[in-house]
Structure formats: C-alpha cells, structure tokens
C-alpha cells in the first residue's frame, strides 16, 4: 500500500506553549509535518506566502489579526489551502463565522490531543470535521430557518443522487456507499461529481451543509 502524501502544516497561535504542544501531536504522525509557525494572523499570512503549506491551523483569538480574519484572507488569496480553526471557544457564533471564512473544521483545544490528527486528515480528504456541539448547532440552525419560513434548497437532484448525498453527509466513504448500494465505487464518484456540479458546491463539507439545510440528515 503506497504511503500517504505528507501534509505540510502552518500552525498559528499566539501562545508558544500551545504551539509547542500541538506541534508535538502533529509531528508524531508520519503523514503530518509542521513547516511553519506564527504568533498572530498577520504572521500566518506571511508564513503561508513563504512556505505554501497544504493546511493552516489557526487559533481564533490572536493579536494584530484574528484567525478568522486570516482565514478569510487565505481563502481569498490561496484557494488551494485547507483551513482548520483551533479554539478554546465552544461557541456557535464563532463556529458559523469559521465556516463562512472558509474553514473546513473546528477543533476545541480541550480535546486537541484526541481530535486534531483526525481533523487534519479529514480536512485533507475534503471532508468536514465538526465536533458534536457543532453538529447540534447546524441542526438547530436548519430548524430555525425552517420555522422562520426561509426556503430550503429546491430539489434539483434524482432519488439516487439524494440517497448518495445523504450517505456522503453522514460520513461514509465512497467504498462504503458502493457496498451499501451494491454499485461500483466509480458510479458513486460519478454521482458525487454530478451532485457537486448540479448544486454548485465545492466539496464534502458543502455537501454536508446542503444536506442539513435540505433536511436529509435527521436531527
């Protein structure tokens, strides 16, 4: 089995001790390596320009420029970079702002030793990484929209595409979906590509958001 490509990471946090601890977690993994560190959002942008990392892990609360501001700028100027927010705040507002800023995931510092490595790998696979409280927040957000009479996305997909969308949003891999539906992985990937094109979405994270707004994932 071929080795996974190494993910080059930029780590930004204004507390050196936090950076040191997070770096120890990441550098212990053979497929993850920290190539640059930054103490604030402005330094993070400079480091990203200099080192071209695959993934930026940004603390939300940093001086000079917050992680959210840095995420928006990175998303605008370096669209290929993946972004994870690392924060002590279990806060719905920050969570939604992080998604709007282009982040693919939101990891709490209190459980970074448990969640961060998987969050990095999920993000690099184009999948969302949401801690349990964030999933509840997304579902509440969907229900609030429905109660207020806001439209959910119109149906523009076939029954089979909807079935695959739901399974993708629930976190199943293409191989698992193929096994469940007794079709080939290639067929699953084709349906998934069609979904992205039809719905004007970029990746699995956006498919998951759409599925929640459309009510395909049960609260």
C-alpha atoms as a PDB file:
ATOM      1  CA  UNK A   1       0.000   0.000   0.000  1.00  0.00           C
ATOM      2  CA  UNK A   2       1.510   3.381  -1.008  1.00  0.00           C
ATOM      3  CA  UNK A   3       2.375   5.818   1.752  1.00  0.00           C
ATOM      4  CA  UNK A   4       0.033   8.779   2.210  1.00  0.00           C
ATOM      5  CA  UNK A   5       1.387  12.062   0.902  1.00  0.00           C
ATOM      6  CA  UNK A   6       2.841  14.219   3.644  1.00  0.00           C
ATOM      7  CA  UNK A   7       0.649  17.149   4.669  1.00  0.00           C
ATOM      8  CA  UNK A   8       2.629  20.361   5.209  1.00  0.00           C
ATOM      9  CA  UNK A   9       1.099  22.416   8.013  1.00  0.00           C
ATOM     10  CA  UNK A  10       1.202  26.050   9.108  1.00  0.00           C
ATOM     11  CA  UNK A  11       0.418  26.405  12.823  1.00  0.00           C
ATOM     12  CA  UNK A  12      -0.694  29.804  14.155  1.00  0.00           C
ATOM     13  CA  UNK A  13      -1.358  30.507  17.835  1.00  0.00           C
ATOM     14  CA  UNK A  14      -0.223  33.430  20.000  1.00  0.00           C
ATOM     15  CA  UNK A  15       0.717  31.127  22.901  1.00  0.00           C
ATOM     16  CA  UNK A  16       4.086  29.474  22.362  1.00  0.00           C
ATOM     17  CA  UNK A  17       3.296  26.670  24.831  1.00  0.00           C
ATOM     18  CA  UNK A  18       0.128  25.804  22.910  1.00  0.00           C
ATOM     19  CA  UNK A  19       2.070  25.755  19.642  1.00  0.00           C
ATOM     20  CA  UNK A  20       4.699  23.505  21.177  1.00  0.00           C
ATOM     21  CA  UNK A  21       2.088  21.035  22.440  1.00  0.00           C
ATOM     22  CA  UNK A  22       0.163  20.983  19.168  1.00  0.00           C
ATOM     23  CA  UNK A  23       3.376  20.575  17.188  1.00  0.00           C
ATOM     24  CA  UNK A  24       4.324  17.538  19.288  1.00  0.00           C
ATOM     25  CA  UNK A  25       0.951  15.938  18.475  1.00  0.00           C
ATOM     26  CA  UNK A  26       1.265  16.632  14.737  1.00  0.00           C
ATOM     27  CA  UNK A  27       4.957  15.853  14.223  1.00  0.00           C
ATOM     28  CA  UNK A  28       4.458  12.460  15.884  1.00  0.00           C
ATOM     29  CA  UNK A  29       2.388  11.416  12.833  1.00  0.00           C
ATOM     30  CA  UNK A  30       4.250  10.174   9.740  1.00  0.00           C
ATOM     31  CA  UNK A  31       1.883  11.935   7.307  1.00  0.00           C
ATOM     32  CA  UNK A  32       1.777  15.326   9.078  1.00  0.00           C
ATOM     33  CA  UNK A  33       4.588  17.854   9.455  1.00  0.00           C
ATOM     34  CA  UNK A  34       4.626  21.437  10.725  1.00  0.00           C
ATOM     35  CA  UNK A  35       6.642  23.543   8.249  1.00  0.00           C
ATOM     36  CA  UNK A  36       5.939  26.987   9.729  1.00  0.00           C
ATOM     37  CA  UNK A  37       4.660  28.653  12.908  1.00  0.00           C
ATOM     38  CA  UNK A  38       3.108  32.061  13.508  1.00  0.00           C
ATOM     39  CA  UNK A  39       2.152  34.058  16.595  1.00  0.00           C
ATOM     40  CA  UNK A  40      -0.676  36.074  15.029  1.00  0.00           C
ATOM     41  CA  UNK A  41      -2.848  36.277  11.919  1.00  0.00           C
ATOM     42  CA  UNK A  42      -0.569  38.692  10.053  1.00  0.00           C
ATOM     43  CA  UNK A  43       2.446  36.413  10.604  1.00  0.00           C
ATOM     44  CA  UNK A  44       0.314  33.475   9.459  1.00  0.00           C
ATOM     45  CA  UNK A  45      -0.351  35.174   6.105  1.00  0.00           C
ATOM     46  CA  UNK A  46       3.367  35.902   5.656  1.00  0.00           C
ATOM     47  CA  UNK A  47       4.283  32.318   6.553  1.00  0.00           C
ATOM     48  CA  UNK A  48       1.671  30.943   4.146  1.00  0.00           C
ATOM     49  CA  UNK A  49       3.094  33.036   1.293  1.00  0.00           C
ATOM     50  CA  UNK A  50       6.636  31.902   2.116  1.00  0.00           C
ATOM     51  CA  UNK A  51       6.029  28.185   2.728  1.00  0.00           C
ATOM     52  CA  UNK A  52       2.895  27.309   0.685  1.00  0.00           C
ATOM     53  CA  UNK A  53       1.503  24.843   3.248  1.00  0.00           C
ATOM     54  CA  UNK A  54      -1.289  22.392   2.420  1.00  0.00           C
ATOM     55  CA  UNK A  55      -3.122  23.106   5.669  1.00  0.00           C
ATOM     56  CA  UNK A  56      -3.334  26.095   8.009  1.00  0.00           C
ATOM     57  CA  UNK A  57      -4.335  25.519  11.647  1.00  0.00           C
ATOM     58  CA  UNK A  58      -5.390  28.874  13.059  1.00  0.00           C
ATOM     59  CA  UNK A  59      -6.277  29.925  16.594  1.00  0.00           C
ATOM     60  CA  UNK A  60      -9.370  32.159  16.508  1.00  0.00           C
ATOM     61  CA  UNK A  61      -8.270  34.734  19.101  1.00  0.00           C
ATOM     62  CA  UNK A  62      -4.906  36.219  18.091  1.00  0.00           C
ATOM     63  CA  UNK A  63      -3.487  39.774  18.227  1.00  0.00           C
ATOM     64  CA  UNK A  64      -2.968  42.055  15.190  1.00  0.00           C
ATOM     65  CA  UNK A  65      -5.206  39.862  13.025  1.00  0.00           C
ATOM     66  CA  UNK A  66      -7.558  37.177  14.328  1.00  0.00           C
ATOM     67  CA  UNK A  67      -7.635  33.638  12.994  1.00  0.00           C
ATOM     68  CA  UNK A  68     -10.996  34.365  11.348  1.00  0.00           C
ATOM     69  CA  UNK A  69      -9.584  37.394   9.509  1.00  0.00           C
ATOM     70  CA  UNK A  70      -6.546  35.376   8.459  1.00  0.00           C
ATOM     71  CA  UNK A  71      -8.784  32.510   7.284  1.00  0.00           C
ATOM     72  CA  UNK A  72     -10.833  34.867   5.085  1.00  0.00           C
ATOM     73  CA  UNK A  73      -7.662  36.299   3.555  1.00  0.00           C
ATOM     74  CA  UNK A  74      -6.100  32.864   2.986  1.00  0.00           C
ATOM     75  CA  UNK A  75      -9.329  31.592   1.422  1.00  0.00           C
ATOM     76  CA  UNK A  76      -9.314  34.584  -0.935  1.00  0.00           C
ATOM     77  CA  UNK A  77      -5.619  34.653  -1.870  1.00  0.00           C
ATOM     78  CA  UNK A  78      -4.651  30.960  -1.638  1.00  0.00           C
ATOM     79  CA  UNK A  79      -7.764  28.995  -2.598  1.00  0.00           C
ATOM     80  CA  UNK A  80      -5.890  25.671  -2.598  1.00  0.00           C
ATOM     81  CA  UNK A  81      -5.054  25.825   1.118  1.00  0.00           C
ATOM     82  CA  UNK A  82      -7.215  23.938   3.639  1.00  0.00           C
ATOM     83  CA  UNK A  83      -8.051  25.638   6.932  1.00  0.00           C
ATOM     84  CA  UNK A  84      -8.802  24.321  10.418  1.00  0.00           C
ATOM     85  CA  UNK A  85      -9.751  26.542  13.345  1.00  0.00           C
ATOM     86  CA  UNK A  86      -8.296  25.594  16.731  1.00  0.00           C
ATOM     87  CA  UNK A  87     -10.029  27.297  19.627  1.00  0.00           C
ATOM     88  CA  UNK A  88     -10.942  27.204  23.297  1.00  0.00           C
ATOM     89  CA  UNK A  89     -14.395  28.609  22.441  1.00  0.00           C
ATOM     90  CA  UNK A  90     -17.294  26.161  22.173  1.00  0.00           C
ATOM     91  CA  UNK A  91     -19.297  28.980  20.639  1.00  0.00           C
ATOM     92  CA  UNK A  92     -21.889  28.716  17.857  1.00  0.00           C
ATOM     93  CA  UNK A  93     -21.262  32.216  16.543  1.00  0.00           C
ATOM     94  CA  UNK A  94     -17.528  31.574  16.130  1.00  0.00           C
ATOM     95  CA  UNK A  95     -18.304  28.198  14.581  1.00  0.00           C
ATOM     96  CA  UNK A  96     -20.562  29.665  11.888  1.00  0.00           C
ATOM     97  CA  UNK A  97     -18.119  32.514  11.272  1.00  0.00           C
ATOM     98  CA  UNK A  98     -15.326  29.948  10.838  1.00  0.00           C
ATOM     99  CA  UNK A  99     -17.324  28.060   8.182  1.00  0.00           C
ATOM    100  CA  UNK A 100     -18.167  31.333   6.420  1.00  0.00           C
ATOM    101  CA  UNK A 101     -14.465  32.273   6.467  1.00  0.00           C
ATOM    102  CA  UNK A 102     -13.586  29.118   4.537  1.00  0.00           C
ATOM    103  CA  UNK A 103     -12.592  26.747   7.345  1.00  0.00           C
ATOM    104  CA  UNK A 104     -13.229  23.022   6.885  1.00  0.00           C
ATOM    105  CA  UNK A 105     -13.295  22.205  10.564  1.00  0.00           C
ATOM    106  CA  UNK A 106     -13.398  23.481  14.109  1.00  0.00           C
ATOM    107  CA  UNK A 107     -11.347  21.755  16.827  1.00  0.00           C
ATOM    108  CA  UNK A 108     -11.554  22.554  20.533  1.00  0.00           C
ATOM    109  CA  UNK A 109      -8.182  22.934  22.270  1.00  0.00           C
ATOM    110  CA  UNK A 110      -9.506  20.985  25.258  1.00  0.00           C
ATOM    111  CA  UNK A 111      -9.693  17.818  23.127  1.00  0.00           C
ATOM    112  CA  UNK A 112      -6.970  18.575  20.570  1.00  0.00           C
ATOM    113  CA  UNK A 113      -4.961  15.535  21.663  1.00  0.00           C
ATOM    114  CA  UNK A 114      -7.967  13.371  20.733  1.00  0.00           C
ATOM    115  CA  UNK A 115      -9.399  15.158  17.684  1.00  0.00           C
ATOM    116  CA  UNK A 116      -6.725  17.183  15.925  1.00  0.00           C
ATOM    117  CA  UNK A 117      -4.949  14.463  13.947  1.00  0.00           C
ATOM    118  CA  UNK A 118      -8.222  13.070  12.569  1.00  0.00           C
ATOM    119  CA  UNK A 119      -9.403  16.625  11.838  1.00  0.00           C
ATOM    120  CA  UNK A 120      -6.257  17.248   9.750  1.00  0.00           C
ATOM    121  CA  UNK A 121      -6.711  14.034   7.782  1.00  0.00           C
ATOM    122  CA  UNK A 122     -10.435  14.601   7.225  1.00  0.00           C
ATOM    123  CA  UNK A 123      -9.768  18.140   6.014  1.00  0.00           C
ATOM    124  CA  UNK A 124      -7.151  16.947   3.546  1.00  0.00           C
ATOM    125  CA  UNK A 125      -9.663  14.380   2.212  1.00  0.00           C
ATOM    126  CA  UNK A 126     -12.061  17.247   1.540  1.00  0.00           C
ATOM    127  CA  UNK A 127     -14.350  16.199   4.387  1.00  0.00           C
ATOM    128  CA  UNK A 128     -15.732  18.398   7.169  1.00  0.00           C
ATOM    129  CA  UNK A 129     -14.597  17.915  10.741  1.00  0.00           C
ATOM    130  CA  UNK A 130     -17.271  19.018  13.193  1.00  0.00           C
ATOM    131  CA  UNK A 131     -17.204  18.402  16.928  1.00  0.00           C
ATOM    132  CA  UNK A 132     -20.531  17.133  18.418  1.00  0.00           C
ATOM    133  CA  UNK A 133     -21.690  20.556  19.627  1.00  0.00           C
ATOM    134  CA  UNK A 134     -21.162  21.969  16.145  1.00  0.00           C
ATOM    135  CA  UNK A 135     -23.368  19.298  14.566  1.00  0.00           C
ATOM    136  CA  UNK A 136     -26.129  20.226  17.016  1.00  0.00           C
ATOM    137  CA  UNK A 137     -25.643  23.896  16.141  1.00  0.00           C
ATOM    138  CA  UNK A 138     -26.030  23.157  12.418  1.00  0.00           C
ATOM    139  CA  UNK A 139     -29.222  21.186  13.025  1.00  0.00           C
ATOM    140  CA  UNK A 140     -30.661  23.945  15.229  1.00  0.00           C
ATOM    141  CA  UNK A 141     -29.748  26.490  12.562  1.00  0.00           C
ATOM    142  CA  UNK A 142     -31.627  24.446   9.951  1.00  0.00           C
ATOM    143  CA  UNK A 143     -34.706  24.074  12.174  1.00  0.00           C
ATOM    144  CA  UNK A 144     -34.702  27.806  12.962  1.00  0.00           C
ATOM    145  CA  UNK A 145     -34.608  28.621   9.238  1.00  0.00           C
ATOM    146  CA  UNK A 146     -37.492  26.238   8.585  1.00  0.00           C
ATOM    147  CA  UNK A 147     -39.552  27.725  11.453  1.00  0.00           C
ATOM    148  CA  UNK A 148     -38.987  31.241  10.124  1.00  0.00           C
ATOM    149  CA  UNK A 149     -40.224  30.144   6.713  1.00  0.00           C
ATOM    150  CA  UNK A 150     -36.880  30.542   4.960  1.00  0.00           C
ATOM    151  CA  UNK A 151     -36.684  28.375   1.860  1.00  0.00           C
ATOM    152  CA  UNK A 152     -34.522  25.284   1.915  1.00  0.00           C
ATOM    153  CA  UNK A 153     -32.771  24.452  -1.374  1.00  0.00           C
ATOM    154  CA  UNK A 154     -35.108  23.371  -4.157  1.00  0.00           C
ATOM    155  CA  UNK A 155     -34.967  19.768  -5.247  1.00  0.00           C
ATOM    156  CA  UNK A 156     -32.669  19.552  -8.233  1.00  0.00           C
ATOM    157  CA  UNK A 157     -31.365  16.015  -7.871  1.00  0.00           C
ATOM    158  CA  UNK A 158     -32.535  12.476  -8.568  1.00  0.00           C
ATOM    159  CA  UNK A 159     -33.620   9.966  -5.913  1.00  0.00           C
ATOM    160  CA  UNK A 160     -30.330   8.061  -6.277  1.00  0.00           C
ATOM    161  CA  UNK A 161     -28.288  11.262  -6.019  1.00  0.00           C
ATOM    162  CA  UNK A 162     -30.244  12.233  -2.899  1.00  0.00           C
ATOM    163  CA  UNK A 163     -29.545   8.792  -1.416  1.00  0.00           C
ATOM    164  CA  UNK A 164     -25.821   9.185  -2.084  1.00  0.00           C
ATOM    165  CA  UNK A 165     -25.823  12.783  -0.824  1.00  0.00           C
ATOM    166  CA  UNK A 166     -27.310  11.637   2.489  1.00  0.00           C
ATOM    167  CA  UNK A 167     -24.710   8.873   2.878  1.00  0.00           C
ATOM    168  CA  UNK A 168     -21.839  11.230   1.995  1.00  0.00           C
ATOM    169  CA  UNK A 169     -23.129  13.772   4.526  1.00  0.00           C
ATOM    170  CA  UNK A 170     -23.304  11.062   7.187  1.00  0.00           C
ATOM    171  CA  UNK A 171     -19.581  10.487   6.733  1.00  0.00           C
ATOM    172  CA  UNK A 172     -19.488   7.263   4.704  1.00  0.00           C
ATOM    173  CA  UNK A 173     -16.629   6.703   2.261  1.00  0.00           C
ATOM    174  CA  UNK A 174     -17.198   6.018  -1.428  1.00  0.00           C
ATOM    175  CA  UNK A 175     -16.294   2.353  -0.852  1.00  0.00           C
ATOM    176  CA  UNK A 176     -18.814   2.036   1.999  1.00  0.00           C
ATOM    177  CA  UNK A 177     -21.531   3.681  -0.103  1.00  0.00           C
ATOM    178  CA  UNK A 178     -20.746   1.376  -3.018  1.00  0.00           C
ATOM    179  CA  UNK A 179     -21.051  -1.658  -0.731  1.00  0.00           C
ATOM    180  CA  UNK A 180     -24.338  -0.431   0.783  1.00  0.00           C
ATOM    181  CA  UNK A 181     -25.970   0.338  -2.559  1.00  0.00           C
ATOM    182  CA  UNK A 182     -24.358  -2.586  -4.411  1.00  0.00           C
ATOM    183  CA  UNK A 183     -22.854  -0.351  -7.091  1.00  0.00           C
ATOM    184  CA  UNK A 184     -19.260   0.361  -8.106  1.00  0.00           C
ATOM    185  CA  UNK A 185     -17.058   2.960  -6.435  1.00  0.00           C
ATOM    186  CA  UNK A 186     -16.732   4.596  -9.859  1.00  0.00           C
ATOM    187  CA  UNK A 187     -20.508   5.008 -10.038  1.00  0.00           C
ATOM    188  CA  UNK A 188     -20.576   6.547  -6.567  1.00  0.00           C
ATOM    189  CA  UNK A 189     -17.842   9.009  -7.558  1.00  0.00           C
ATOM    190  CA  UNK A 190     -19.742   9.902 -10.741  1.00  0.00           C
ATOM    191  CA  UNK A 191     -22.926  10.608  -8.786  1.00  0.00           C
ATOM    192  CA  UNK A 192     -20.934  12.656  -6.285  1.00  0.00           C
ATOM    193  CA  UNK A 193     -19.325  14.712  -9.079  1.00  0.00           C
ATOM    194  CA  UNK A 194     -22.790  15.276 -10.593  1.00  0.00           C
ATOM    195  CA  UNK A 195     -24.096  16.435  -7.205  1.00  0.00           C
ATOM    196  CA  UNK A 196     -21.293  18.963  -6.805  1.00  0.00           C
ATOM    197  CA  UNK A 197     -21.856  20.286 -10.334  1.00  0.00           C
ATOM    198  CA  UNK A 198     -25.672  20.453 -10.109  1.00  0.00           C
ATOM    199  CA  UNK A 199     -25.684  22.127  -6.706  1.00  0.00           C
ATOM    200  CA  UNK A 200     -22.743  24.438  -7.399  1.00  0.00           C
ATOM    201  CA  UNK A 201     -20.791  23.084  -4.422  1.00  0.00           C
ATOM    202  CA  UNK A 202     -17.056  22.550  -3.947  1.00  0.00           C
ATOM    203  CA  UNK A 203     -16.519  19.619  -1.617  1.00  0.00           C
ATOM    204  CA  UNK A 204     -17.876  17.242   1.003  1.00  0.00           C
ATOM    205  CA  UNK A 205     -18.177  19.977   3.621  1.00  0.00           C
ATOM    206  CA  UNK A 206     -20.546  21.959   1.396  1.00  0.00           C
ATOM    207  CA  UNK A 207     -22.499  18.798   0.535  1.00  0.00           C
ATOM    208  CA  UNK A 208     -22.960  18.198   4.265  1.00  0.00           C
ATOM    209  CA  UNK A 209     -24.199  21.756   4.828  1.00  0.00           C
ATOM    210  CA  UNK A 210     -26.628  21.353   1.930  1.00  0.00           C
ATOM    211  CA  UNK A 211     -27.912  18.016   3.273  1.00  0.00           C
ATOM    212  CA  UNK A 212     -28.576  19.564   6.680  1.00  0.00           C
ATOM    213  CA  UNK A 213     -30.368  22.595   5.193  1.00  0.00           C
ATOM    214  CA  UNK A 214     -32.415  20.307   2.936  1.00  0.00           C
ATOM    215  CA  UNK A 215     -33.406  18.179   5.926  1.00  0.00           C
ATOM    216  CA  UNK A 216     -31.758  14.987   4.626  1.00  0.00           C
ATOM    217  CA  UNK A 217     -29.904  14.413   7.902  1.00  0.00           C
ATOM    218  CA  UNK A 218     -32.327  13.764  10.735  1.00  0.00           C
ATOM    219  CA  UNK A 219     -31.857  15.870  13.895  1.00  0.00           C
END
